[in-house]
């Protein structure tokens, strides 16, 4: 069996070559835009600001049981965490009922 090279050598990098003139123009354009003093700006939505404030407030709350949180983190790291699914479901239902009543 003979395999003929009908397509010629296929090199995916041949089409990716950068022409020196094209690259120089792109560099000049990027330098011109930065030299004009323009800079990127961002604007946070009100929801993002609210979430940031909530996270900051929650992290400073004194009612967080640090020891319990650290124990749970360690259990998760060791793959030994076994949550009580029935208790979690009961708490979810209780909380939902509290919202409805």
N, C-alpha and C. Protein backbone atom coordinates (compact mmCIF):
# COMPACT_ATOMS: atom_id res chain seq x y z
N UNK A 1 0.85 -1.17 0.00
CA UNK A 1 0.00 0.00 0.00
C UNK A 1 0.90 1.23 0.00
N UNK A 2 0.57 2.17 -0.85
CA UNK A 2 1.36 3.40 -0.93
C UNK A 2 0.49 4.58 -0.56
N UNK A 3 0.94 5.42 0.38
CA UNK A 3 0.21 6.62 0.79
C UNK A 3 0.80 7.79 0.02
N UNK A 4 -0.04 8.44 -0.78
CA UNK A 4 0.42 9.57 -1.59
C UNK A 4 0.10 10.87 -0.88
N UNK A 5 0.98 11.81 -0.96
CA UNK A 5 0.80 13.11 -0.35
C UNK A 5 0.14 14.03 -1.38
N UNK A 6 -1.18 13.96 -1.49
CA UNK A 6 -1.91 14.73 -2.49
C UNK A 6 -2.09 16.19 -2.08
N UNK A 7 -2.17 16.46 -0.81
CA UNK A 7 -2.41 17.82 -0.35
C UNK A 7 -1.14 18.60 -0.09
N UNK A 8 -0.03 17.98 -0.13
CA UNK A 8 1.21 18.66 0.21
C UNK A 8 1.37 18.66 1.72
N UNK A 9 2.39 19.33 2.15
CA UNK A 9 2.65 19.38 3.59
C UNK A 9 1.64 20.31 4.26
N UNK A 10 0.98 19.80 5.29
CA UNK A 10 0.00 20.60 6.02
C UNK A 10 0.64 21.05 7.32
N UNK A 11 0.77 22.34 7.46
CA UNK A 11 1.35 22.91 8.67
C UNK A 11 0.39 23.97 9.19
N UNK A 12 -0.24 23.75 10.33
CA UNK A 12 -1.22 24.71 10.84
C UNK A 12 -0.61 26.06 11.19
N UNK A 13 0.70 26.12 11.35
CA UNK A 13 1.33 27.38 11.74
C UNK A 13 1.66 28.27 10.56
N UNK A 14 1.56 27.75 9.35
CA UNK A 14 1.86 28.56 8.18
C UNK A 14 0.92 29.75 8.07
N UNK A 15 -0.33 29.57 8.36
CA UNK A 15 -1.32 30.64 8.22
C UNK A 15 -1.26 31.64 9.38
N UNK A 16 -0.54 31.31 10.41
CA UNK A 16 -0.50 32.15 11.61
C UNK A 16 0.70 33.10 11.61
N UNK A 17 1.45 33.13 10.53
CA UNK A 17 2.64 33.97 10.50
C UNK A 17 2.24 35.44 10.59
N UNK A 18 3.02 36.20 11.31
CA UNK A 18 2.76 37.62 11.50
C UNK A 18 3.68 38.39 10.58
N UNK A 19 3.09 39.25 9.80
CA UNK A 19 3.87 40.11 8.92
C UNK A 19 4.43 41.26 9.75
N UNK A 20 5.67 41.61 9.55
CA UNK A 20 6.30 42.67 10.34
C UNK A 20 5.57 43.99 10.22
N UNK A 21 5.04 44.33 9.06
CA UNK A 21 4.33 45.59 8.87
C UNK A 21 3.02 45.62 9.64
N UNK A 22 2.30 44.53 9.63
CA UNK A 22 1.03 44.47 10.34
C UNK A 22 1.23 44.61 11.83
N UNK A 23 2.22 43.94 12.36
CA UNK A 23 2.48 43.99 13.79
C UNK A 23 2.89 45.38 14.22
N UNK A 24 3.71 46.03 13.44
CA UNK A 24 4.15 47.37 13.77
C UNK A 24 2.99 48.34 13.82
N UNK A 25 2.04 48.19 12.91
CA UNK A 25 0.88 49.07 12.89
C UNK A 25 0.03 48.87 14.13
N UNK A 26 -0.12 47.62 14.55
CA UNK A 26 -0.91 47.34 15.74
C UNK A 26 -0.24 47.92 16.98
N UNK A 27 1.08 47.80 17.06
CA UNK A 27 1.81 48.35 18.21
C UNK A 27 1.67 49.87 18.25
N UNK A 28 1.78 50.51 17.09
CA UNK A 28 1.65 51.97 17.03
C UNK A 28 0.25 52.40 17.46
N UNK A 29 -0.77 51.64 17.04
CA UNK A 29 -2.14 51.98 17.41
C UNK A 29 -2.35 51.84 18.90
N UNK A 30 -1.79 50.80 19.51
CA UNK A 30 -1.98 50.61 20.95
C UNK A 30 -1.22 51.68 21.73
N UNK A 31 -0.06 52.08 21.25
CA UNK A 31 0.69 53.13 21.92
C UNK A 31 -0.03 54.46 21.81
N UNK A 32 -0.65 54.72 20.66
CA UNK A 32 -1.36 55.98 20.47
C UNK A 32 -2.56 56.06 21.40
N UNK A 33 -3.28 54.94 21.58
CA UNK A 33 -4.46 54.97 22.43
C UNK A 33 -4.08 55.16 23.90
N UNK A 34 -2.94 54.59 24.32
CA UNK A 34 -2.54 54.76 25.72
C UNK A 34 -1.94 56.13 25.96
N UNK A 35 -1.36 56.72 24.95
CA UNK A 35 -0.74 58.02 25.16
C UNK A 35 -1.76 59.14 25.20
N UNK A 36 -2.99 58.88 24.75
CA UNK A 36 -4.03 59.90 24.78
C UNK A 36 -4.57 60.11 26.18
N UNK A 37 -4.19 59.29 27.13
CA UNK A 37 -4.65 59.45 28.50
C UNK A 37 -5.96 58.75 28.79
N UNK A 38 -6.48 58.00 27.85
CA UNK A 38 -7.72 57.27 28.09
C UNK A 38 -7.41 56.04 28.92
N UNK A 39 -8.34 55.70 29.78
CA UNK A 39 -8.17 54.49 30.58
C UNK A 39 -9.51 53.78 30.69
N UNK A 40 -9.46 52.52 31.00
CA UNK A 40 -10.67 51.74 31.17
C UNK A 40 -11.35 52.12 32.47
N UNK A 41 -12.65 52.11 32.44
CA UNK A 41 -13.41 52.39 33.65
C UNK A 41 -14.46 51.30 33.83
N UNK A 42 -14.85 51.10 35.07
CA UNK A 42 -15.90 50.14 35.37
C UNK A 42 -16.93 50.81 36.25
N UNK A 43 -18.15 50.31 36.17
CA UNK A 43 -19.22 50.83 37.03
C UNK A 43 -19.92 49.62 37.64
N UNK A 44 -20.05 49.61 38.94
CA UNK A 44 -20.70 48.52 39.63
C UNK A 44 -22.20 48.79 39.72
N UNK A 45 -22.98 47.75 39.51
CA UNK A 45 -24.43 47.88 39.63
C UNK A 45 -24.80 48.02 41.10
N UNK A 46 -26.02 48.46 41.32
CA UNK A 46 -26.48 48.59 42.71
C UNK A 46 -26.54 47.23 43.40
N UNK A 47 -26.87 46.18 42.62
CA UNK A 47 -26.90 44.84 43.20
C UNK A 47 -25.51 44.39 43.62
N UNK A 48 -24.51 44.69 42.80
CA UNK A 48 -23.13 44.31 43.14
C UNK A 48 -22.68 45.05 44.40
N UNK A 49 -23.05 46.32 44.50
CA UNK A 49 -22.68 47.10 45.70
C UNK A 49 -23.37 46.52 46.94
N UNK A 50 -24.63 46.13 46.78
CA UNK A 50 -25.37 45.55 47.90
C UNK A 50 -24.75 44.22 48.33
N UNK A 51 -24.38 43.38 47.36
CA UNK A 51 -23.75 42.10 47.69
C UNK A 51 -22.42 42.30 48.38
N UNK A 52 -21.66 43.28 47.93
CA UNK A 52 -20.36 43.57 48.55
C UNK A 52 -20.56 44.01 50.00
N UNK A 53 -21.52 44.87 50.21
CA UNK A 53 -21.80 45.34 51.57
C UNK A 53 -22.27 44.18 52.45
N UNK A 54 -23.12 43.31 51.91
CA UNK A 54 -23.61 42.18 52.68
C UNK A 54 -22.48 41.22 53.04
N UNK A 55 -21.59 40.97 52.09
CA UNK A 55 -20.46 40.08 52.36
C UNK A 55 -19.55 40.68 53.43
N UNK A 56 -19.29 41.96 53.32
CA UNK A 56 -18.42 42.63 54.30
C UNK A 56 -19.05 42.59 55.69
N UNK A 57 -20.35 42.86 55.76
CA UNK A 57 -21.05 42.85 57.05
C UNK A 57 -21.09 41.44 57.64
N UNK A 58 -21.35 40.46 56.80
CA UNK A 58 -21.42 39.07 57.28
C UNK A 58 -20.07 38.59 57.78
N UNK A 59 -19.00 39.01 57.11
CA UNK A 59 -17.68 38.54 57.53
C UNK A 59 -17.25 39.17 58.85
N UNK A 60 -17.82 40.31 59.19
CA UNK A 60 -17.48 40.97 60.45
C UNK A 60 -18.45 40.63 61.59
N UNK A 61 -19.47 39.84 61.29
CA UNK A 61 -20.47 39.51 62.30
C UNK A 61 -19.83 38.68 63.42
N UNK A 62 -20.24 38.97 64.63
CA UNK A 62 -19.66 38.27 65.79
C UNK A 62 -20.35 36.94 66.06
N UNK A 63 -21.50 36.70 65.44
CA UNK A 63 -22.22 35.46 65.73
C UNK A 63 -21.74 34.28 64.89
N UNK A 64 -20.69 34.46 64.11
CA UNK A 64 -20.14 33.34 63.34
C UNK A 64 -19.34 32.46 64.30
N UNK A 65 -19.65 31.19 64.27
CA UNK A 65 -18.96 30.25 65.14
C UNK A 65 -17.70 29.77 64.41
N UNK A 66 -16.60 30.48 64.62
CA UNK A 66 -15.35 30.22 63.90
C UNK A 66 -14.87 28.77 64.09
N UNK A 67 -14.96 28.29 65.30
CA UNK A 67 -14.48 26.93 65.57
C UNK A 67 -15.30 25.92 64.78
N UNK A 68 -16.60 26.08 64.74
CA UNK A 68 -17.48 25.17 64.01
C UNK A 68 -17.19 25.25 62.50
N UNK A 69 -17.01 26.47 62.00
CA UNK A 69 -16.70 26.66 60.57
C UNK A 69 -15.38 25.99 60.23
N UNK A 70 -14.38 26.16 61.06
CA UNK A 70 -13.07 25.54 60.80
C UNK A 70 -13.14 24.02 60.85
N UNK A 71 -13.94 23.48 61.78
CA UNK A 71 -14.12 22.03 61.85
C UNK A 71 -14.77 21.50 60.58
N UNK A 72 -15.80 22.20 60.11
CA UNK A 72 -16.48 21.77 58.89
C UNK A 72 -15.56 21.87 57.67
N UNK A 73 -14.76 22.92 57.59
CA UNK A 73 -13.81 23.05 56.49
C UNK A 73 -12.82 21.89 56.48
N UNK A 74 -12.36 21.53 57.66
CA UNK A 74 -11.41 20.42 57.77
C UNK A 74 -12.06 19.10 57.35
N UNK A 75 -13.31 18.89 57.74
CA UNK A 75 -14.02 17.68 57.34
C UNK A 75 -14.20 17.62 55.82
N UNK A 76 -14.48 18.76 55.21
CA UNK A 76 -14.64 18.80 53.75
C UNK A 76 -13.31 18.49 53.07
N UNK A 77 -12.22 19.05 53.59
CA UNK A 77 -10.89 18.79 53.02
C UNK A 77 -10.54 17.31 53.10
N UNK A 78 -10.91 16.66 54.20
CA UNK A 78 -10.57 15.26 54.42
C UNK A 78 -11.58 14.30 53.79
N UNK A 79 -12.60 14.83 53.14
CA UNK A 79 -13.68 14.01 52.57
C UNK A 79 -14.39 13.18 53.62
N UNK A 80 -14.48 13.70 54.83
CA UNK A 80 -15.17 12.98 55.90
C UNK A 80 -16.46 13.68 56.32
N UNK A 81 -16.85 14.73 55.61
CA UNK A 81 -18.06 15.47 55.96
C UNK A 81 -19.29 14.67 55.55
N UNK A 82 -20.16 14.40 56.51
CA UNK A 82 -21.39 13.65 56.28
C UNK A 82 -22.56 14.49 56.79
N UNK A 83 -23.16 15.30 55.93
CA UNK A 83 -24.26 16.14 56.40
C UNK A 83 -25.50 15.32 56.72
N UNK A 84 -26.30 15.81 57.64
CA UNK A 84 -27.57 15.18 58.00
C UNK A 84 -28.63 15.75 57.06
N UNK A 85 -28.95 15.00 56.01
CA UNK A 85 -29.86 15.46 54.96
C UNK A 85 -31.26 15.71 55.50
N UNK A 86 -31.72 14.85 56.40
CA UNK A 86 -33.07 15.01 56.95
C UNK A 86 -33.17 16.30 57.77
N UNK A 87 -32.14 16.58 58.54
CA UNK A 87 -32.13 17.79 59.36
C UNK A 87 -32.09 19.03 58.46
N UNK A 88 -31.29 18.98 57.40
CA UNK A 88 -31.20 20.11 56.47
C UNK A 88 -32.54 20.35 55.79
N UNK A 89 -33.20 19.27 55.37
CA UNK A 89 -34.51 19.40 54.71
C UNK A 89 -35.54 19.96 55.68
N UNK A 90 -35.52 19.50 56.91
CA UNK A 90 -36.46 20.00 57.91
C UNK A 90 -36.24 21.50 58.16
N UNK A 91 -34.99 21.91 58.23
CA UNK A 91 -34.69 23.32 58.43
C UNK A 91 -35.13 24.18 57.24
N UNK A 92 -34.96 23.66 56.03
CA UNK A 92 -35.41 24.40 54.84
C UNK A 92 -36.93 24.57 54.85
N UNK A 93 -37.62 23.49 55.18
CA UNK A 93 -39.09 23.57 55.23
C UNK A 93 -39.53 24.52 56.32
N UNK A 94 -38.89 24.45 57.48
CA UNK A 94 -39.24 25.34 58.58
C UNK A 94 -39.04 26.79 58.17
N UNK A 95 -37.92 27.09 57.53
CA UNK A 95 -37.66 28.46 57.11
C UNK A 95 -38.67 28.94 56.07
N UNK A 96 -39.03 28.05 55.13
CA UNK A 96 -40.03 28.42 54.13
C UNK A 96 -41.38 28.67 54.78
N UNK A 97 -41.75 27.86 55.76
CA UNK A 97 -43.02 28.06 56.45
C UNK A 97 -43.02 29.36 57.23
N UNK A 98 -41.88 29.72 57.80
CA UNK A 98 -41.78 30.98 58.53
C UNK A 98 -42.00 32.17 57.59
N UNK A 99 -41.56 32.03 56.35
CA UNK A 99 -41.76 33.11 55.38
C UNK A 99 -43.22 33.25 54.98
N UNK A 100 -43.93 32.13 54.93
CA UNK A 100 -45.33 32.14 54.50
C UNK A 100 -46.27 32.60 55.60
N UNK A 101 -45.92 32.35 56.83
CA UNK A 101 -46.82 32.67 57.95
C UNK A 101 -46.60 34.05 58.46
